[in-house]
Protein backbone atom coordinates (compact mmCIF):
# COMPACT_ATOMS: atom_id res chain seq x y z
CA MET A 1 0.00 0.00 0.00
CA LEU A 2 1.38 3.43 -0.93
CA LYS A 3 1.66 5.86 1.97
CA SER A 4 2.99 9.01 0.36
CA ILE A 5 4.42 10.53 -2.80
CA ARG A 6 8.18 10.82 -2.85
CA THR A 7 9.64 13.38 -5.20
CA VAL A 8 12.92 14.01 -6.95
CA SER A 9 14.30 16.42 -9.51
CA THR A 10 16.94 15.64 -12.08
CA SER A 11 18.68 18.98 -11.51
CA THR A 12 20.60 20.25 -8.47
CA ALA A 13 18.74 23.56 -8.49
CA LEU A 14 15.38 21.90 -8.45
CA LEU A 15 16.46 19.55 -5.65
CA ALA A 16 17.31 22.58 -3.57
CA ALA A 17 13.99 24.19 -4.38
CA LEU A 18 12.11 21.08 -3.36
CA VAL A 19 13.95 20.93 -0.05
CA ALA A 20 13.01 24.54 0.59
CA ALA A 21 9.37 24.14 -0.46
CA PRO A 22 8.34 20.48 -0.85
CA LEU A 23 5.15 19.56 -2.61
CA HIS A 24 4.05 17.62 0.50
CA ALA A 25 5.40 18.10 4.00
CA ASP A 26 6.08 14.37 4.40
CA ALA A 27 7.51 13.84 0.91
CA PRO A 28 11.02 12.34 1.08
CA MET A 29 12.97 12.29 -2.16
CA THR A 30 14.24 9.39 -4.20
CA ARG A 31 16.59 9.04 -7.13
CA PRO A 32 15.71 7.56 -10.53
CA GLY A 33 18.11 4.64 -10.02
CA SER A 34 16.25 3.51 -6.91
CA VAL A 35 13.19 2.73 -9.02
CA GLY A 36 14.94 1.27 -12.04
CA LEU A 37 15.17 4.45 -14.12
CA SER A 38 18.30 6.05 -15.54
CA GLY A 39 18.77 9.65 -14.43
CA GLU A 40 21.09 10.23 -17.38
CA ARG A 41 18.50 8.92 -19.82
CA LEU A 42 15.73 10.95 -18.17
CA GLU A 43 17.72 14.06 -19.10
CA ARG A 44 16.62 13.31 -22.66
CA VAL A 45 13.13 14.37 -21.63
CA ASN A 46 14.53 17.81 -20.75
CA GLU A 47 16.40 17.97 -24.04
CA LEU A 48 13.24 17.04 -25.95
CA VAL A 49 11.20 19.73 -24.23
CA GLN A 50 13.87 22.36 -24.83
CA ARG A 51 14.01 21.53 -28.54
CA HIS A 52 10.28 22.14 -28.80
CA ILE A 53 10.45 25.36 -26.82
CA ASP A 54 13.24 26.59 -29.10
CA ALA A 55 11.13 25.64 -32.14
CA GLY A 56 8.13 27.59 -30.83
CA SER A 57 5.94 24.52 -30.29
CA PHE A 58 4.89 25.80 -26.85
CA SER A 59 6.08 28.32 -24.29
CA GLY A 60 6.83 25.91 -21.47
CA ALA A 61 5.95 22.61 -19.86
CA VAL A 62 5.97 20.55 -16.70
CA THR A 63 6.99 16.89 -16.99
CA LEU A 64 6.67 14.18 -14.36
CA VAL A 65 7.62 10.50 -14.22
CA ALA A 66 6.93 8.13 -11.33
CA ARG A 67 7.59 4.47 -10.73
CA ASP A 68 6.72 2.22 -7.79
CA GLY A 69 4.68 5.08 -6.35
CA GLN A 70 7.65 7.46 -6.19
CA ILE A 71 8.22 10.49 -8.39
CA ALA A 72 11.62 10.17 -10.04
CA HIS A 73 11.46 13.15 -12.40
CA LEU A 74 9.70 16.48 -11.98
CA GLU A 75 10.80 19.44 -14.08
CA ALA A 76 9.47 22.87 -14.99
CA HIS A 77 10.63 24.09 -18.42
CA GLY A 78 10.45 27.40 -20.25
CA LEU A 79 7.91 30.14 -19.60
CA MET A 80 4.36 30.11 -18.29
CA ASP A 81 3.73 33.65 -19.60
CA VAL A 82 5.77 34.81 -22.59
CA GLU A 83 4.64 38.43 -22.50
CA ALA A 84 5.50 38.80 -18.80
CA GLY A 85 8.64 36.66 -19.07
CA ARG A 86 7.52 34.50 -16.11
CA PRO A 87 9.33 31.17 -15.78
CA MET A 88 7.30 27.97 -15.57
CA VAL A 89 6.83 26.58 -12.07
CA GLU A 90 6.49 22.94 -11.05
CA ASP A 91 3.05 23.57 -9.57
CA GLY A 92 1.77 25.53 -12.55
CA ILE A 93 -2.00 25.20 -13.06
CA PHE A 94 -3.09 23.99 -16.50
CA GLY A 95 -6.41 23.66 -18.26
CA ILE A 96 -6.37 19.88 -18.78
CA MET A 97 -9.42 19.71 -21.07
CA SER A 98 -10.07 16.07 -22.04
CA MET A 99 -7.88 14.71 -19.27
CA THR A 100 -11.05 15.47 -17.30
CA LYS A 101 -12.64 12.44 -18.96
CA PRO A 102 -10.71 9.72 -17.07
CA VAL A 103 -11.60 11.51 -13.83
CA ILE A 104 -15.29 11.23 -14.73
CA GLY A 105 -14.66 7.66 -15.84
CA ALA A 106 -13.33 6.93 -12.36
CA ALA A 107 -16.43 8.55 -10.83
CA ILE A 108 -18.68 6.24 -12.86
CA LEU A 109 -16.59 3.25 -11.76
CA MET A 110 -17.02 4.35 -8.15
CA MET A 111 -20.78 4.29 -8.68
CA MET A 112 -20.42 0.84 -10.24
CA ASP A 113 -18.47 -0.36 -7.20
CA GLU A 114 -21.45 0.73 -5.08
CA GLY A 115 -23.99 -1.01 -7.32
CA LYS A 116 -25.66 2.28 -8.30
CA VAL A 117 -24.64 2.20 -11.97
CA ARG A 118 -24.06 -0.66 -14.41
CA LEU A 119 -22.20 -0.59 -17.71
CA GLN A 120 -25.28 -1.94 -19.50
CA ASP A 121 -27.64 0.61 -17.95
CA PRO A 122 -29.51 2.72 -20.51
CA VAL A 123 -28.89 6.41 -19.99
CA SER A 124 -32.67 6.80 -19.78
CA ARG A 125 -32.57 5.08 -16.38
CA PHE A 126 -31.03 8.29 -15.05
CA ILE A 127 -32.29 10.79 -17.63
CA PRO A 128 -35.85 9.88 -18.71
CA GLU A 129 -35.75 12.32 -21.63
CA TRP A 130 -33.35 9.88 -23.34
CA GLU A 131 -36.01 7.18 -23.64
CA ASP A 132 -36.57 7.31 -27.42
CA MET A 133 -33.38 8.35 -29.20
CA VAL A 134 -33.13 8.68 -32.98
CA VAL A 135 -30.20 8.31 -35.37
CA GLY A 136 -29.38 10.87 -38.04
CA VAL A 137 -28.95 9.37 -41.52
CA PRO A 138 -27.12 11.65 -43.98
CA GLN A 139 -28.60 12.49 -47.38
CA PRO A 140 -26.62 13.60 -50.43
CA ALA A 141 -26.08 17.32 -50.75
CA PRO A 142 -28.12 19.01 -53.50
CA ALA A 143 -26.41 19.93 -56.75
CA GLY A 144 -25.40 23.51 -57.28
CA PRO A 145 -22.75 25.99 -56.12
CA PHE A 146 -23.33 25.12 -52.45
CA GLY A 147 -24.06 21.43 -52.96
CA ASN A 148 -21.84 18.38 -53.03
CA GLY A 149 -19.77 19.66 -50.12
CA GLY A 150 -19.16 23.06 -51.74
CA GLY A 151 -19.80 25.18 -48.65
CA GLN A 152 -23.15 23.74 -47.55
CA ALA A 153 -24.18 25.48 -44.33
CA GLU A 154 -25.93 22.54 -42.73
CA PRO A 155 -26.10 18.77 -43.19
CA ARG A 156 -29.07 17.14 -44.91
CA TYR A 157 -30.39 14.13 -43.05
CA TYR A 158 -33.43 12.20 -41.91
CA THR A 159 -33.86 10.23 -38.71
CA VAL A 160 -34.64 6.62 -37.84
CA PRO A 161 -35.23 5.08 -34.40
CA ALA A 162 -32.18 3.86 -32.51
CA GLU A 163 -32.08 0.07 -32.59
CA ARG A 164 -31.27 -0.01 -28.89
CA ALA A 165 -30.79 2.42 -26.04
CA VAL A 166 -27.59 4.38 -25.54
CA THR A 167 -25.83 2.84 -22.53
CA VAL A 168 -23.30 3.97 -19.95
CA ARG A 169 -20.77 1.69 -21.65
CA ASP A 170 -21.40 3.40 -25.00
CA LEU A 171 -20.63 6.78 -23.47
CA LEU A 172 -17.48 5.58 -21.69
CA THR A 173 -16.12 4.07 -24.91
CA HIS A 174 -17.09 6.86 -27.35
CA SER A 175 -19.34 4.46 -29.23
CA SER A 176 -22.61 6.25 -28.44
CA GLY A 177 -22.85 8.63 -31.41
CA VAL A 178 -23.69 11.47 -29.00
CA VAL A 179 -22.54 14.81 -30.50
CA SER A 180 -19.70 13.13 -32.36
CA GLY A 181 -20.17 14.06 -36.02
CA GLN A 182 -21.57 16.58 -38.48
CA ILE A 183 -25.26 15.83 -37.93
CA SER A 184 -25.24 15.67 -34.15
CA ASN A 185 -22.95 18.68 -33.78
CA PHE A 186 -25.26 20.73 -35.98
CA ALA A 187 -28.42 19.61 -34.17
CA ASN A 188 -26.81 20.27 -30.80
CA ARG A 189 -26.64 24.00 -31.58
CA SER A 190 -30.37 24.38 -30.95
CA VAL A 191 -30.18 22.94 -27.43
CA ALA A 192 -26.63 23.85 -26.37
CA ALA A 193 -25.95 24.97 -22.82
CA GLY A 194 -26.43 28.68 -22.22
CA PRO A 195 -24.34 30.94 -19.98
CA GLU A 196 -26.36 30.06 -16.86
CA ASP A 197 -27.19 26.42 -17.61
CA THR A 198 -26.07 23.54 -15.41
CA LEU A 199 -25.75 19.89 -16.37
CA ALA A 200 -29.27 19.34 -15.02
CA ASP A 201 -30.57 22.00 -17.43
CA TYR A 202 -28.75 20.90 -20.58
CA ILE A 203 -28.39 17.12 -20.51
CA PRO A 204 -32.13 16.32 -20.69
CA ARG A 205 -32.38 18.51 -23.81
CA LEU A 206 -29.72 16.36 -25.49
CA GLY A 207 -32.36 13.62 -25.70
CA ASP A 208 -33.82 15.54 -28.65
CA VAL A 209 -30.54 15.56 -30.59
CA PRO A 210 -30.06 12.76 -33.17
CA ILE A 211 -27.10 10.52 -32.48
CA GLU A 212 -24.58 10.03 -35.26
CA PHE A 213 -24.89 6.25 -35.76
CA GLN A 214 -26.50 3.21 -34.21
CA PRO A 215 -25.10 2.79 -30.67
CA GLY A 216 -22.06 0.57 -30.33
CA THR A 217 -21.33 0.21 -34.04
CA ARG A 218 -18.20 2.37 -34.25
CA TRP A 219 -15.84 4.66 -32.33
CA ALA A 220 -16.28 8.41 -32.78
CA TYR A 221 -14.95 10.93 -30.30
CA SER A 222 -17.54 12.86 -28.34
CA ALA A 223 -15.41 15.85 -27.40
CA ALA A 224 -17.64 17.16 -24.62
CA ALA A 225 -21.25 15.99 -24.55
CA GLY A 226 -20.73 12.27 -23.93
CA PHE A 227 -18.82 12.78 -20.69
CA ASP A 228 -21.04 15.70 -19.71
CA VAL A 229 -23.86 13.14 -19.80
CA LEU A 230 -21.82 10.77 -17.64
CA SER A 231 -21.29 13.59 -15.15
CA ARG A 232 -25.05 14.01 -14.91
CA VAL A 233 -25.42 10.23 -14.42
CA VAL A 234 -23.05 10.51 -11.43
CA GLU A 235 -25.12 13.38 -10.05
CA VAL A 236 -28.36 11.42 -10.28
CA ALA A 237 -26.86 8.17 -8.97
CA SER A 238 -25.01 9.78 -6.06
CA GLY A 239 -27.46 12.56 -5.17
CA MET A 240 -24.57 15.05 -5.27
CA GLU A 241 -23.55 17.70 -7.78
CA ILE A 242 -20.53 16.49 -9.73
CA GLU A 243 -18.19 19.13 -8.32
CA GLU A 244 -19.11 18.21 -4.74
CA PHE A 245 -18.83 14.50 -5.52
CA LEU A 246 -15.35 14.81 -7.00
CA ARG A 247 -14.15 17.02 -4.18
CA GLN A 248 -15.38 14.74 -1.40
CA ARG A 249 -14.77 11.36 -3.00
CA LEU A 250 -11.63 11.94 -5.11
CA PHE A 251 -9.81 15.25 -4.81
CA ASP A 252 -9.75 15.58 -1.01
CA PRO A 253 -8.71 11.95 -0.32
CA LEU A 254 -5.98 12.20 -2.96
CA GLU A 255 -4.88 15.68 -1.80
CA MET A 256 -5.53 17.13 -5.25
CA ASN A 257 -5.80 20.60 -3.76
CA ASP A 258 -5.22 22.56 -6.97
CA THR A 259 -7.72 20.63 -9.12
CA THR A 260 -10.82 22.70 -9.83
CA TYR A 261 -13.51 23.53 -12.38
CA ASP A 262 -12.98 27.27 -11.99
CA PRO A 263 -10.19 28.97 -13.92
CA PRO A 264 -8.08 30.46 -11.12
CA VAL A 265 -8.07 33.95 -12.64
CA GLY A 266 -5.40 36.09 -11.02
CA ASN A 267 -3.53 33.12 -9.59
CA PRO A 268 0.15 33.64 -10.49
CA ARG A 269 0.48 29.87 -11.07
CA LEU A 270 -2.12 29.79 -13.87
CA VAL A 271 -0.25 28.91 -17.07
CA LYS A 272 -1.16 31.08 -20.05
CA LEU A 273 -2.91 29.42 -23.00
CA TYR A 274 -1.32 29.84 -26.45
CA GLY A 275 -2.10 28.83 -30.01
CA ARG A 276 0.42 28.62 -32.84
CA GLY A 277 0.05 31.01 -35.75
CA ALA A 278 2.03 32.48 -38.60
CA ASP A 279 3.60 34.95 -36.18
CA GLY A 280 4.45 32.37 -33.53
CA LEU A 281 2.63 31.72 -30.27
CA GLN A 282 -0.49 33.83 -29.77
CA PRO A 283 -2.42 34.16 -26.47
CA ARG A 284 -5.86 32.51 -26.43
CA GLU A 285 -8.89 32.65 -24.16
CA TYR A 286 -10.29 29.68 -22.27
CA PRO A 287 -13.52 28.22 -23.73
CA GLY A 288 -16.83 29.88 -22.89
CA PHE A 289 -18.34 26.79 -21.27
CA MET A 290 -16.11 27.42 -18.26
CA ASN A 291 -18.79 29.78 -16.97
CA GLY A 292 -18.74 29.05 -13.25
CA VAL A 293 -21.89 26.89 -13.21
CA TYR A 294 -21.54 24.35 -16.03
CA ARG A 295 -19.21 21.54 -14.89
CA SER A 296 -18.12 19.86 -18.09
CA GLY A 297 -17.06 16.25 -17.75
CA GLY A 298 -15.63 16.41 -21.25
CA GLY A 299 -13.07 19.09 -20.53
CA GLY A 300 -13.72 21.41 -17.59
CA LEU A 301 -10.96 20.78 -15.07
CA PHE A 302 -7.78 22.66 -14.21
CA SER A 303 -4.97 20.83 -12.44
CA THR A 304 -1.24 20.57 -11.85
CA ALA A 305 1.14 17.79 -12.85
CA SER A 306 1.61 16.81 -9.21
CA ASP A 307 -2.13 16.78 -8.51
CA TYR A 308 -2.88 14.65 -11.54
CA ALA A 309 -0.03 12.35 -10.53
CA GLN A 310 -1.97 11.54 -7.35
CA PHE A 311 -4.87 10.37 -9.53
CA ALA A 312 -2.62 8.40 -11.89
CA LEU A 313 -0.73 6.78 -9.01
CA MET A 314 -4.03 5.69 -7.51
CA LEU A 315 -4.80 3.91 -10.78
CA ALA A 316 -1.31 2.42 -10.93
CA ASN A 317 -1.80 1.10 -7.40
CA LYS A 318 -5.08 -0.58 -8.38
CA GLY A 319 -7.43 1.93 -6.80
CA GLU A 320 -5.69 2.83 -3.53
CA PHE A 321 -3.40 5.70 -2.60
CA ASN A 322 -2.23 7.37 0.61
CA GLY A 323 -4.33 4.93 2.63
CA HIS A 324 -7.54 5.74 0.73
CA ARG A 325 -9.31 3.08 -1.30
CA ILE A 326 -10.92 4.99 -4.21
CA LEU A 327 -11.72 2.10 -6.55
CA SER A 328 -11.74 -1.66 -6.35
CA HIS A 329 -8.90 -3.58 -8.00
CA ARG A 330 -11.37 -4.95 -10.52
CA ALA A 331 -12.70 -1.51 -11.44
CA VAL A 332 -9.20 -0.30 -12.36
CA GLU A 333 -8.56 -3.47 -14.33
CA LEU A 334 -11.80 -2.88 -16.25
CA MET A 335 -10.87 0.74 -16.92
CA GLY A 336 -7.71 -0.40 -18.75
CA SER A 337 -9.29 -3.39 -20.48
CA VAL A 338 -9.99 -3.55 -24.20
CA PHE A 339 -13.69 -2.80 -24.68
CA LEU A 340 -13.37 -1.63 -28.28
CA PRO A 341 -10.52 -3.32 -30.21
CA ASP A 342 -8.40 -1.42 -32.68
CA THR A 343 -10.31 -3.15 -35.50
CA VAL A 344 -13.47 -1.17 -34.72
CA PRO A 345 -14.07 1.63 -37.25
CA GLY A 346 -12.60 4.85 -35.93
CA ARG A 347 -9.71 3.39 -33.92
CA ARG A 348 -6.03 3.48 -34.91
CA ALA A 349 -3.83 0.42 -35.29
CA GLY A 350 -2.44 -0.86 -32.00
CA GLU A 351 -4.61 1.44 -29.89
CA SER A 352 -7.88 0.07 -28.54
CA TYR A 353 -10.28 1.78 -26.17
CA GLY A 354 -11.20 1.02 -22.58
CA LEU A 355 -13.48 2.85 -20.15
CA SER A 356 -12.62 6.54 -20.71
CA VAL A 357 -9.01 5.79 -21.76
CA ARG A 358 -7.00 4.62 -24.75
CA VAL A 359 -5.40 1.21 -24.27
CA VAL A 360 -2.22 0.12 -26.10
CA ASN A 361 -2.90 -3.41 -27.31
CA ASP A 362 -0.06 -3.71 -29.86
CA PRO A 363 2.99 -1.45 -29.37
CA ALA A 364 4.50 -2.45 -32.72
CA ALA A 365 1.34 -1.56 -34.66
CA ARG A 366 1.15 1.76 -32.80
CA ASN A 367 4.87 2.47 -33.36
CA THR A 368 5.41 3.19 -29.69
CA TYR A 369 7.74 2.33 -26.81
CA LEU A 370 4.74 2.06 -24.48
CA SER A 371 4.10 -1.37 -22.98
CA GLU A 372 1.14 -3.46 -23.99
CA GLY A 373 -1.68 -2.65 -21.57
CA SER A 374 -0.63 0.97 -20.98
CA PHE A 375 -3.64 3.28 -20.74
CA GLY A 376 -4.31 7.01 -20.48
CA TRP A 377 -5.54 10.05 -22.38
CA SER A 378 -4.67 13.59 -23.51
CA GLY A 379 -6.12 17.10 -23.50
CA ALA A 380 -6.67 19.51 -26.39
CA PHE A 381 -4.39 22.17 -24.90
CA GLY A 382 -1.35 19.85 -24.81
CA THR A 383 -1.65 17.73 -21.65
CA HIS A 384 -1.02 13.98 -21.61
CA PHE A 385 -0.73 11.06 -19.19
CA TRP A 386 -0.52 7.30 -19.11
CA VAL A 387 -0.34 4.44 -16.64
CA ASP A 388 1.88 1.45 -17.45
CA PRO A 389 0.77 -1.48 -15.25
CA LYS A 390 3.55 -3.74 -16.55
CA GLU A 391 6.31 -1.35 -15.45
CA ASN A 392 4.34 0.17 -12.54
CA LEU A 393 5.04 3.57 -14.08
CA ILE A 394 3.07 6.74 -14.70
CA ALA A 395 4.07 9.81 -16.70
CA ILE A 396 2.55 13.24 -17.25
CA ALA A 397 3.36 16.11 -19.60
CA MET A 398 1.57 19.44 -19.37
CA THR A 399 1.79 22.32 -21.83
CA GLN A 400 -0.81 24.84 -22.96
CA THR A 401 -0.33 24.47 -26.71
CA SER A 402 -1.25 21.25 -28.49
CA ASN A 403 1.56 19.33 -30.19
CA ARG A 404 0.96 15.62 -30.87
CA GLU A 405 4.48 15.00 -32.14
CA PHE A 406 5.91 16.14 -28.81
CA LEU A 407 3.55 13.92 -26.82
CA SER A 408 4.50 10.87 -28.87
CA ASP A 409 8.20 11.60 -28.46
CA PHE A 410 7.70 12.22 -24.74
CA GLU A 411 6.28 8.71 -24.38
CA ASN A 412 9.35 7.23 -26.03
CA MET A 413 11.83 9.36 -24.05
CA VAL A 414 10.26 8.24 -20.78
CA MET A 415 10.19 4.57 -21.68
CA GLN A 416 13.78 4.49 -22.97
CA SER A 417 14.86 5.54 -19.47
CA VAL A 418 13.61 2.27 -17.94
CA VAL A 419 16.76 0.25 -17.25
CA SER A 420 15.47 -2.50 -14.96
CA GLY A 421 12.17 -4.34 -15.13
CA TYR A 422 10.12 -6.90 -13.29
């Protein structure tokens, strides 16, 4: 059983800083070699990040690697605010966007552990307005200057009844068809959440939106709505608003003190969001759905690398961390199991899908150093994590500018540092 996080830096300066201001009062430090990692090889992570900073891929980053429940690498790189020239800090706060999804996935699994939710449950059990869903069937665009894909403003389609109900499992595996394509995204505009809407206001209205395909027949990413629905399922099943549930049942026990739905405006640790343009990195605003009342399960959370490490280490330790049992062993095993194989339409070779996470089922087909069975997810602003059960390792990278090439290389740089196995 893991009792505490132990931290280390790969640089002398950072070691001194951690001694002066540790992340946790009881956090002793360890060295990479004590957990079978090469400190010299971990320096390649720093070199990789610096190359991307120099190339203008992002302004800065925080990277973290842990094995056997101990953090062996924690580094802040570059700047958190280019205009102000402020250096990145280890406890920088990032908008993690879709890395919110595995957190909501864990909340659903907690409800499953308590017998309040089942994978096969129809969503209508919790949201009656979802009783009679329909599927949008596309029609050919009309001929003419705006037809045949030539700038058509809206999709042409008709609807047919869904052959079966949308289930909790469908939502967890992105096989529901809920707001995950041209038809459903267009139809969602007429019911979308307003500036004062909560999940309880919006989610029932989604029952009127056609789904993109028959449930369970393919994989198509539901960027926000699918996991917003799951958040509402947690609310109904638990009798608690999702923010309160996560705080009491997950964040407080795991000491995730900087993880929140509210952008910490004015907090000097809030990392600035940037997009890449012709003139380099340009400041961007956070999405409008972060309105103080709508708690998006698809992408609403802010967190730090160290906070999210607490969550990932809980998963690596099969549901328990710091003396708190969050999930059963079996729930974590299910989370990282293959529910949709990589042969399902929409998936990439070597990468299947579990319950709210990607699952590496064939490293060679995926062209990755990650072990078979590794699972995790990413966020649209450039955050990324995975859990490797085989190596008992977790890793996190956080930036605020998306760059898939960097995230793929980060995976490989972490895994090449493993010098002793089990």
